[in-house]
N, C-alpha and C. Protein backbone atom coordinates (compact mmCIF):
# COMPACT_ATOMS: atom_id res chain seq x y z
N UNK A 1 206.02 156.34 -14.41
CA UNK A 1 206.25 157.75 -14.71
C UNK A 1 205.45 158.14 -15.96
N UNK A 2 204.75 159.22 -15.86
CA UNK A 2 203.95 159.70 -16.99
C UNK A 2 204.87 160.35 -18.00
N UNK A 3 204.71 159.99 -19.27
CA UNK A 3 205.56 160.56 -20.31
C UNK A 3 204.91 161.83 -20.83
N UNK A 4 205.43 162.95 -20.40
CA UNK A 4 204.91 164.24 -20.86
C UNK A 4 206.07 165.22 -20.99
N UNK A 5 205.89 166.18 -21.87
CA UNK A 5 206.94 167.20 -22.03
C UNK A 5 206.90 168.13 -20.84
N UNK A 6 208.07 168.43 -20.31
CA UNK A 6 208.18 169.39 -19.22
C UNK A 6 208.56 170.74 -19.80
N UNK A 7 207.84 171.76 -19.43
CA UNK A 7 208.17 173.11 -19.88
C UNK A 7 209.28 173.64 -18.99
N UNK A 8 210.30 174.17 -19.59
CA UNK A 8 211.39 174.73 -18.80
C UNK A 8 211.06 176.15 -18.36
N UNK A 9 211.72 176.59 -17.33
CA UNK A 9 211.55 177.93 -16.80
C UNK A 9 212.89 178.62 -16.99
N UNK A 10 212.95 179.59 -17.89
CA UNK A 10 214.23 180.20 -18.23
C UNK A 10 214.35 181.63 -17.68
N UNK A 11 215.43 182.27 -18.05
CA UNK A 11 215.73 183.61 -17.54
C UNK A 11 214.63 184.61 -17.89
N UNK A 12 214.09 184.51 -19.07
CA UNK A 12 213.03 185.44 -19.46
C UNK A 12 211.76 185.19 -18.65
N UNK A 13 211.48 183.92 -18.31
CA UNK A 13 210.34 183.61 -17.45
C UNK A 13 210.56 184.18 -16.04
N UNK A 14 211.79 184.10 -15.56
CA UNK A 14 212.12 184.65 -14.25
C UNK A 14 211.94 186.17 -14.25
N UNK A 15 212.37 186.81 -15.32
CA UNK A 15 212.20 188.26 -15.45
C UNK A 15 210.72 188.63 -15.43
N UNK A 16 209.90 187.88 -16.14
CA UNK A 16 208.45 188.14 -16.15
C UNK A 16 207.85 187.96 -14.76
N UNK A 17 208.32 186.93 -14.03
CA UNK A 17 207.80 186.68 -12.68
C UNK A 17 208.16 187.84 -11.74
N UNK A 18 209.38 188.36 -11.86
CA UNK A 18 209.80 189.51 -11.04
C UNK A 18 208.96 190.73 -11.39
N UNK A 19 208.75 190.94 -12.67
CA UNK A 19 207.94 192.08 -13.14
C UNK A 19 206.51 192.01 -12.61
N UNK A 20 205.91 190.82 -12.67
CA UNK A 20 204.53 190.65 -12.20
C UNK A 20 204.42 190.78 -10.69
N UNK A 21 205.43 190.32 -9.97
CA UNK A 21 205.39 190.33 -8.50
C UNK A 21 205.63 191.73 -7.94
N UNK A 22 206.52 192.48 -8.58
CA UNK A 22 206.88 193.82 -8.09
C UNK A 22 206.39 194.87 -9.10
N UNK A 23 205.17 195.29 -8.89
CA UNK A 23 204.50 196.21 -9.83
C UNK A 23 205.21 197.56 -9.95
N UNK A 24 206.02 197.91 -8.93
CA UNK A 24 206.72 199.21 -9.00
C UNK A 24 207.89 199.18 -10.00
N UNK A 25 208.26 197.98 -10.47
CA UNK A 25 209.34 197.86 -11.46
C UNK A 25 208.75 197.77 -12.86
N UNK A 26 209.41 198.43 -13.81
CA UNK A 26 209.00 198.21 -15.20
C UNK A 26 209.78 197.01 -15.73
N UNK A 27 209.49 196.58 -16.95
CA UNK A 27 210.13 195.37 -17.50
C UNK A 27 211.65 195.50 -17.57
N UNK A 28 212.13 196.65 -17.95
CA UNK A 28 213.58 196.86 -18.05
C UNK A 28 214.24 196.75 -16.68
N UNK A 29 213.62 197.32 -15.68
CA UNK A 29 214.17 197.24 -14.32
C UNK A 29 214.16 195.80 -13.81
N UNK A 30 213.09 195.07 -14.08
CA UNK A 30 213.02 193.66 -13.67
C UNK A 30 214.12 192.85 -14.36
N UNK A 31 214.35 193.13 -15.63
CA UNK A 31 215.41 192.45 -16.37
C UNK A 31 216.78 192.75 -15.75
N UNK A 32 216.99 194.01 -15.36
CA UNK A 32 218.25 194.39 -14.72
C UNK A 32 218.45 193.71 -13.37
N UNK A 33 217.37 193.57 -12.60
CA UNK A 33 217.45 192.89 -11.30
C UNK A 33 217.90 191.44 -11.49
N UNK A 34 217.24 190.74 -12.42
CA UNK A 34 217.59 189.34 -12.69
C UNK A 34 219.03 189.25 -13.19
N UNK A 35 219.41 190.12 -14.10
CA UNK A 35 220.78 190.10 -14.63
C UNK A 35 221.80 190.39 -13.54
N UNK A 36 221.47 191.30 -12.63
CA UNK A 36 222.35 191.63 -11.51
C UNK A 36 222.58 190.41 -10.62
N UNK A 37 221.52 189.64 -10.37
CA UNK A 37 221.65 188.43 -9.56
C UNK A 37 222.59 187.43 -10.24
N UNK A 38 222.37 187.19 -11.53
CA UNK A 38 223.23 186.26 -12.26
C UNK A 38 224.67 186.76 -12.32
N UNK A 39 224.85 188.05 -12.54
CA UNK A 39 226.21 188.62 -12.58
C UNK A 39 226.90 188.47 -11.22
N UNK A 40 226.16 188.67 -10.15
CA UNK A 40 226.74 188.54 -8.80
C UNK A 40 227.17 187.11 -8.52
N UNK A 41 226.35 186.15 -8.91
CA UNK A 41 226.71 184.74 -8.73
C UNK A 41 227.93 184.39 -9.56
N UNK A 42 227.94 184.81 -10.81
CA UNK A 42 229.07 184.55 -11.71
C UNK A 42 230.36 185.18 -11.18
N UNK A 43 230.26 186.41 -10.71
CA UNK A 43 231.43 187.12 -10.18
C UNK A 43 231.99 186.41 -8.95
N UNK A 44 231.10 185.99 -8.05
CA UNK A 44 231.55 185.28 -6.85
C UNK A 44 232.24 183.97 -7.21
N UNK A 45 231.67 183.23 -8.15
CA UNK A 45 232.28 181.97 -8.58
C UNK A 45 233.64 182.20 -9.24
N UNK A 46 233.77 183.28 -9.99
CA UNK A 46 235.05 183.58 -10.64
C UNK A 46 236.13 183.92 -9.61
N UNK A 47 235.71 184.34 -8.42
CA UNK A 47 236.64 184.63 -7.32
C UNK A 47 236.77 183.42 -6.38
N UNK A 48 236.29 182.26 -6.85
CA UNK A 48 236.35 180.99 -6.10
C UNK A 48 235.59 181.08 -4.78
N UNK A 49 234.50 181.84 -4.78
CA UNK A 49 233.65 181.93 -3.60
C UNK A 49 232.43 181.03 -3.78
N UNK A 50 231.90 180.59 -2.67
CA UNK A 50 230.68 179.79 -2.68
C UNK A 50 229.50 180.74 -2.50
N UNK A 51 228.39 180.47 -3.20
CA UNK A 51 227.20 181.30 -3.09
C UNK A 51 226.09 180.43 -2.49
N UNK A 52 225.66 180.79 -1.29
CA UNK A 52 224.62 180.02 -0.61
C UNK A 52 223.36 180.86 -0.51
N UNK A 53 222.28 180.33 -1.04
CA UNK A 53 220.97 180.97 -0.94
C UNK A 53 220.12 180.04 -0.07
N UNK A 54 219.99 180.40 1.18
CA UNK A 54 219.32 179.52 2.16
C UNK A 54 217.93 179.11 1.69
N UNK A 55 217.65 177.84 1.82
CA UNK A 55 216.36 177.30 1.41
C UNK A 55 216.26 177.01 -0.07
N UNK A 56 217.23 177.46 -0.85
CA UNK A 56 217.20 177.22 -2.30
C UNK A 56 218.32 176.30 -2.72
N UNK A 57 219.57 176.71 -2.44
CA UNK A 57 220.71 175.88 -2.81
C UNK A 57 222.02 176.63 -2.76
N UNK A 58 223.07 175.92 -3.17
CA UNK A 58 224.43 176.46 -3.12
C UNK A 58 225.10 176.32 -4.48
N UNK A 59 225.71 177.39 -4.93
CA UNK A 59 226.54 177.37 -6.13
C UNK A 59 227.99 177.31 -5.67
N UNK A 60 228.80 176.54 -6.36
CA UNK A 60 230.21 176.46 -6.00
C UNK A 60 231.02 175.94 -7.17
N UNK A 61 232.30 175.72 -6.91
CA UNK A 61 233.21 175.18 -7.92
C UNK A 61 233.78 173.86 -7.43
N UNK A 62 233.89 172.90 -8.34
CA UNK A 62 234.55 171.64 -8.03
C UNK A 62 235.84 171.62 -8.82
N UNK A 63 236.91 171.28 -8.12
CA UNK A 63 238.23 171.23 -8.73
C UNK A 63 238.47 169.83 -9.29
N UNK A 64 238.90 169.76 -10.53
CA UNK A 64 239.25 168.49 -11.17
C UNK A 64 240.73 168.54 -11.54
N UNK A 65 241.49 167.57 -11.05
CA UNK A 65 242.93 167.52 -11.32
C UNK A 65 243.21 167.18 -12.78
N UNK A 66 244.42 167.52 -13.21
CA UNK A 66 244.87 167.14 -14.55
C UNK A 66 244.96 165.62 -14.59
N UNK A 67 244.72 165.07 -15.77
CA UNK A 67 244.79 163.61 -15.89
C UNK A 67 245.09 163.22 -17.33
N UNK A 68 245.35 161.95 -17.51
CA UNK A 68 245.57 161.42 -18.84
C UNK A 68 244.30 160.72 -19.28
N UNK A 69 243.85 161.03 -20.48
CA UNK A 69 242.65 160.41 -21.03
C UNK A 69 242.97 159.78 -22.37
N UNK A 70 241.96 159.27 -23.02
CA UNK A 70 242.16 158.66 -24.34
C UNK A 70 241.21 159.29 -25.34
N UNK A 71 241.74 159.54 -26.53
CA UNK A 71 240.91 160.00 -27.64
C UNK A 71 240.06 158.79 -28.05
N UNK A 72 238.73 158.91 -27.98
CA UNK A 72 237.88 157.75 -28.28
C UNK A 72 237.95 157.29 -29.74
N UNK A 73 238.32 158.17 -30.64
CA UNK A 73 238.39 157.80 -32.06
C UNK A 73 239.69 157.08 -32.40
N UNK A 74 240.80 157.55 -31.80
CA UNK A 74 242.10 156.98 -32.16
C UNK A 74 242.70 156.10 -31.07
N UNK A 75 242.21 156.23 -29.84
CA UNK A 75 242.78 155.47 -28.74
C UNK A 75 244.07 156.08 -28.22
N UNK A 76 244.48 157.19 -28.79
CA UNK A 76 245.72 157.88 -28.40
C UNK A 76 245.57 158.52 -27.02
N UNK A 77 246.61 158.43 -26.19
CA UNK A 77 246.60 159.08 -24.88
C UNK A 77 246.73 160.58 -25.06
N UNK A 78 245.92 161.32 -24.29
CA UNK A 78 245.97 162.79 -24.35
C UNK A 78 246.01 163.34 -22.93
N UNK A 79 246.57 164.54 -22.80
CA UNK A 79 246.63 165.19 -21.49
C UNK A 79 245.40 166.09 -21.34
N UNK A 80 244.68 165.92 -20.23
CA UNK A 80 243.52 166.76 -19.93
C UNK A 80 243.92 167.69 -18.79
N UNK A 81 243.82 168.99 -19.04
CA UNK A 81 244.24 170.00 -18.06
C UNK A 81 243.35 170.00 -16.82
N UNK A 82 243.90 170.47 -15.72
CA UNK A 82 243.11 170.67 -14.49
C UNK A 82 242.09 171.78 -14.75
N UNK A 83 240.94 171.66 -14.11
CA UNK A 83 239.92 172.69 -14.32
C UNK A 83 238.99 172.76 -13.12
N UNK A 84 238.32 173.88 -13.02
CA UNK A 84 237.29 174.09 -12.01
C UNK A 84 235.96 174.21 -12.74
N UNK A 85 234.99 173.40 -12.32
CA UNK A 85 233.68 173.42 -12.96
C UNK A 85 232.61 173.84 -11.95
N UNK A 86 231.66 174.67 -12.39
CA UNK A 86 230.59 175.10 -11.48
C UNK A 86 229.63 173.95 -11.18
N UNK A 87 229.04 173.99 -9.99
CA UNK A 87 228.02 173.02 -9.63
C UNK A 87 226.94 173.72 -8.82
N UNK A 88 225.79 173.06 -8.73
CA UNK A 88 224.70 173.56 -7.91
C UNK A 88 224.19 172.41 -7.05
N UNK A 89 224.09 172.65 -5.76
CA UNK A 89 223.55 171.66 -4.83
C UNK A 89 222.23 172.20 -4.30
N UNK A 90 221.18 171.44 -4.48
CA UNK A 90 219.84 171.86 -4.06
C UNK A 90 219.76 171.89 -2.55
N UNK A 91 219.12 172.94 -2.02
CA UNK A 91 218.90 173.07 -0.59
C UNK A 91 217.54 172.51 -0.22
N UNK A 92 217.12 172.83 0.97
CA UNK A 92 215.80 172.37 1.42
C UNK A 92 214.74 173.25 0.76
N UNK A 93 214.05 172.68 -0.19
CA UNK A 93 213.00 173.43 -0.88
C UNK A 93 211.71 173.36 -0.08
N UNK A 94 210.78 174.18 -0.42
CA UNK A 94 209.50 174.19 0.28
C UNK A 94 208.89 172.79 0.26
N UNK A 95 208.16 172.49 1.31
CA UNK A 95 207.58 171.16 1.44
C UNK A 95 206.54 170.84 0.38
N UNK A 96 206.00 171.88 -0.28
CA UNK A 96 204.98 171.61 -1.31
C UNK A 96 205.57 171.12 -2.63
N UNK A 97 206.90 171.06 -2.74
CA UNK A 97 207.55 170.53 -3.92
C UNK A 97 207.93 169.09 -3.60
N UNK A 98 207.31 168.15 -4.29
CA UNK A 98 207.56 166.73 -4.06
C UNK A 98 208.14 166.10 -5.31
N UNK A 99 208.98 165.11 -5.13
CA UNK A 99 209.56 164.43 -6.30
C UNK A 99 208.49 163.73 -7.11
N UNK A 100 207.43 163.22 -6.46
CA UNK A 100 206.40 162.55 -7.24
C UNK A 100 205.56 163.52 -8.05
N UNK A 101 205.62 164.81 -7.75
CA UNK A 101 204.90 165.79 -8.58
C UNK A 101 205.65 166.05 -9.88
N UNK A 102 206.93 165.62 -9.95
CA UNK A 102 207.72 165.81 -11.16
C UNK A 102 207.55 164.64 -12.13
N UNK A 103 206.89 163.60 -11.70
CA UNK A 103 206.71 162.41 -12.56
C UNK A 103 205.58 162.60 -13.53
């Protein structure tokens, strides 16, 4: 594996990509479109709904039961509450994306 820094692609990069792709939108409108997508996903997850974007992936919640754990500093037993945590499962991406291209 080649040791190189990977540049991340963040929300602002996504907004720029939407702006460049859809010339009829100004930067503010592109930002609103991206924010609307994130808000919609967040809202659906808060209602315990699954969000499936075909060919890209699925957002969902995983339920974790309450359990007893240990404080690593003191060794004392502690109660850990039940919780739901978001997850993302990758779908079938385009064939031009290969795992060896990430190395």
